[in-house]
Amino acid sequence: MNKNAKLAYDVLKKAGMVVMTDNWSQTAHFEISVEEMPDALPNAPLYWADMDGLYDGSIALNNLMDKHGLFWEWINGCVIGVYDA
């Protein structure tokens, strides 16, 4: 995993997101499970996407990806993959 992806991965993991490597995509730096939203942390950004209500992802998720030169896309209805922009 590249350094930029590792930095984003660490932020998401610390925020309680389920992040995985090499589970769903051979070309993604890592994947994020969006099957079940983590417990909200006080004053924490919401890193989230949802096929039904937040298809384009949350502002915080997209800002994090932009900050680290990454983008995400849907792999299936419950998992998104993270790639270099």
C-alpha atoms as a PDB file:
ATOM      1  CA  MET A   1       0.000   0.000   0.000  1.00  0.00           C
ATOM      2  CA  ASN A   2       1.348   3.430  -0.925  1.00  0.00           C
ATOM      3  CA  LYS A   3       2.067   5.977   1.807  1.00  0.00           C
ATOM      4  CA  ASN A   4      -0.841   8.223   0.782  1.00  0.00           C
ATOM      5  CA  ALA A   5      -3.257   5.285   0.947  1.00  0.00           C
ATOM      6  CA  LYS A   6      -1.838   4.132   4.297  1.00  0.00           C
ATOM      7  CA  LEU A   7      -2.473   7.581   5.781  1.00  0.00           C
ATOM      8  CA  ALA A   8      -6.126   7.496   4.690  1.00  0.00           C
ATOM      9  CA  TYR A   9      -6.457   3.861   5.814  1.00  0.00           C
ATOM     10  CA  ASP A  10      -5.207   4.790   9.299  1.00  0.00           C
ATOM     11  CA  VAL A  11      -7.670   7.700   9.602  1.00  0.00           C
ATOM     12  CA  LEU A  12     -10.585   5.447   8.624  1.00  0.00           C
ATOM     13  CA  LYS A  13      -9.516   2.631  10.937  1.00  0.00           C
ATOM     14  CA  LYS A  14      -9.172   5.045  13.857  1.00  0.00           C
ATOM     15  CA  ALA A  15     -12.665   6.381  13.079  1.00  0.00           C
ATOM     16  CA  GLY A  16     -14.078   2.867  13.501  1.00  0.00           C
ATOM     17  CA  MET A  17     -14.566   1.976   9.839  1.00  0.00           C
ATOM     18  CA  VAL A  18     -14.122  -1.639   8.736  1.00  0.00           C
ATOM     19  CA  VAL A  19     -11.147  -1.426   6.358  1.00  0.00           C
ATOM     20  CA  MET A  20      -9.758  -4.465   4.570  1.00  0.00           C
ATOM     21  CA  THR A  21      -6.860  -5.264   2.277  1.00  0.00           C
ATOM     22  CA  ASP A  22      -6.973  -7.720  -0.611  1.00  0.00           C
ATOM     23  CA  ASN A  23     -10.473  -8.962   0.164  1.00  0.00           C
ATOM     24  CA  TRP A  24     -12.520  -7.755  -2.810  1.00  0.00           C
ATOM     25  CA  SER A  25     -10.237  -6.105  -5.351  1.00  0.00           C
ATOM     26  CA  GLN A  26      -6.747  -6.912  -6.549  1.00  0.00           C
ATOM     27  CA  THR A  27      -6.177  -3.346  -7.743  1.00  0.00           C
ATOM     28  CA  ALA A  28      -7.533  -1.352  -4.770  1.00  0.00           C
ATOM     29  CA  HIS A  29      -5.182  -0.131  -2.059  1.00  0.00           C
ATOM     30  CA  PHE A  30      -7.842  -1.237   0.388  1.00  0.00           C
ATOM     31  CA  GLU A  31     -11.573  -1.715   0.718  1.00  0.00           C
ATOM     32  CA  ILE A  32     -14.092  -0.190   3.107  1.00  0.00           C
ATOM     33  CA  SER A  33     -17.143  -2.082   4.319  1.00  0.00           C
ATOM     34  CA  VAL A  34     -20.184   0.179   4.375  1.00  0.00           C
ATOM     35  CA  GLU A  35     -22.559  -2.571   5.383  1.00  0.00           C
ATOM     36  CA  GLU A  36     -22.992  -1.315   8.929  1.00  0.00           C
ATOM     37  CA  MET A  37     -22.312   2.232  10.080  1.00  0.00           C
ATOM     38  CA  PRO A  38     -19.909   2.440  13.023  1.00  0.00           C
ATOM     39  CA  ASP A  39     -20.979   4.090  16.244  1.00  0.00           C
ATOM     40  CA  ALA A  40     -20.764   7.855  15.874  1.00  0.00           C
ATOM     41  CA  LEU A  41     -17.885   9.443  17.711  1.00  0.00           C
ATOM     42  CA  PRO A  42     -18.520  12.859  19.258  1.00  0.00           C
ATOM     43  CA  ASN A  43     -17.315  15.702  17.034  1.00  0.00           C
ATOM     44  CA  ALA A  44     -15.881  13.222  14.515  1.00  0.00           C
ATOM     45  CA  PRO A  45     -16.349  13.439  10.744  1.00  0.00           C
ATOM     46  CA  LEU A  46     -18.650  10.916   9.124  1.00  0.00           C
ATOM     47  CA  TYR A  47     -16.696   8.802   6.639  1.00  0.00           C
ATOM     48  CA  TRP A  48     -19.565   6.992   4.956  1.00  0.00           C
ATOM     49  CA  ALA A  49     -21.293   5.943   1.757  1.00  0.00           C
ATOM     50  CA  ASP A  50     -24.610   4.180   1.287  1.00  0.00           C
ATOM     51  CA  MET A  51     -26.190   2.747  -1.867  1.00  0.00           C
ATOM     52  CA  ASP A  52     -29.629   4.007  -0.862  1.00  0.00           C
ATOM     53  CA  GLY A  53     -29.120   7.356   0.801  1.00  0.00           C
ATOM     54  CA  LEU A  54     -25.541   8.546   0.295  1.00  0.00           C
ATOM     55  CA  TYR A  55     -24.515   7.056  -3.034  1.00  0.00           C
ATOM     56  CA  ASP A  56     -21.825   9.688  -3.740  1.00  0.00           C
ATOM     57  CA  GLY A  57     -20.362   9.374  -0.238  1.00  0.00           C
ATOM     58  CA  SER A  58     -20.157  11.805   2.627  1.00  0.00           C
ATOM     59  CA  ILE A  59     -18.321  15.089   2.341  1.00  0.00           C
ATOM     60  CA  ALA A  60     -15.778  13.892   4.912  1.00  0.00           C
ATOM     61  CA  LEU A  61     -15.072  10.674   2.976  1.00  0.00           C
ATOM     62  CA  ASN A  62     -14.604  12.531  -0.296  1.00  0.00           C
ATOM     63  CA  ASN A  63     -12.449  15.225   1.326  1.00  0.00           C
ATOM     64  CA  LEU A  64     -10.224  12.542   2.874  1.00  0.00           C
ATOM     65  CA  MET A  65      -9.797  10.854  -0.497  1.00  0.00           C
ATOM     66  CA  ASP A  66      -8.977  14.176  -2.200  1.00  0.00           C
ATOM     67  CA  LYS A  67      -6.488  15.112   0.511  1.00  0.00           C
ATOM     68  CA  HIS A  68      -4.517  11.914  -0.106  1.00  0.00           C
ATOM     69  CA  GLY A  69      -4.819  11.794  -3.901  1.00  0.00           C
ATOM     70  CA  LEU A  70      -7.280   8.898  -3.865  1.00  0.00           C
ATOM     71  CA  PHE A  71     -10.790   8.098  -5.022  1.00  0.00           C
ATOM     72  CA  TRP A  72     -13.283   5.387  -4.157  1.00  0.00           C
ATOM     73  CA  GLU A  73     -15.857   3.444  -6.136  1.00  0.00           C
ATOM     74  CA  TRP A  74     -18.465   0.819  -5.428  1.00  0.00           C
ATOM     75  CA  ILE A  75     -17.306  -2.797  -5.666  1.00  0.00           C
ATOM     76  CA  ASN A  76     -20.708  -4.113  -4.592  1.00  0.00           C
ATOM     77  CA  GLY A  77     -23.620  -2.873  -2.498  1.00  0.00           C
ATOM     78  CA  CYS A  78     -21.676  -3.125   0.757  1.00  0.00           C
ATOM     79  CA  VAL A  79     -18.024  -2.514  -0.158  1.00  0.00           C
ATOM     80  CA  ILE A  80     -16.123   0.354  -1.728  1.00  0.00           C
ATOM     81  CA  GLY A  81     -12.585   0.169  -3.081  1.00  0.00           C
ATOM     82  CA  VAL A  82      -9.969   2.897  -2.708  1.00  0.00           C
ATOM     83  CA  TYR A  83      -7.605   3.690  -5.610  1.00  0.00           C
ATOM     84  CA  ASP A  84      -5.098   6.312  -6.737  1.00  0.00           C
ATOM     85  CA  ALA A  85      -6.759   9.325  -8.349  1.00  0.00           C
END
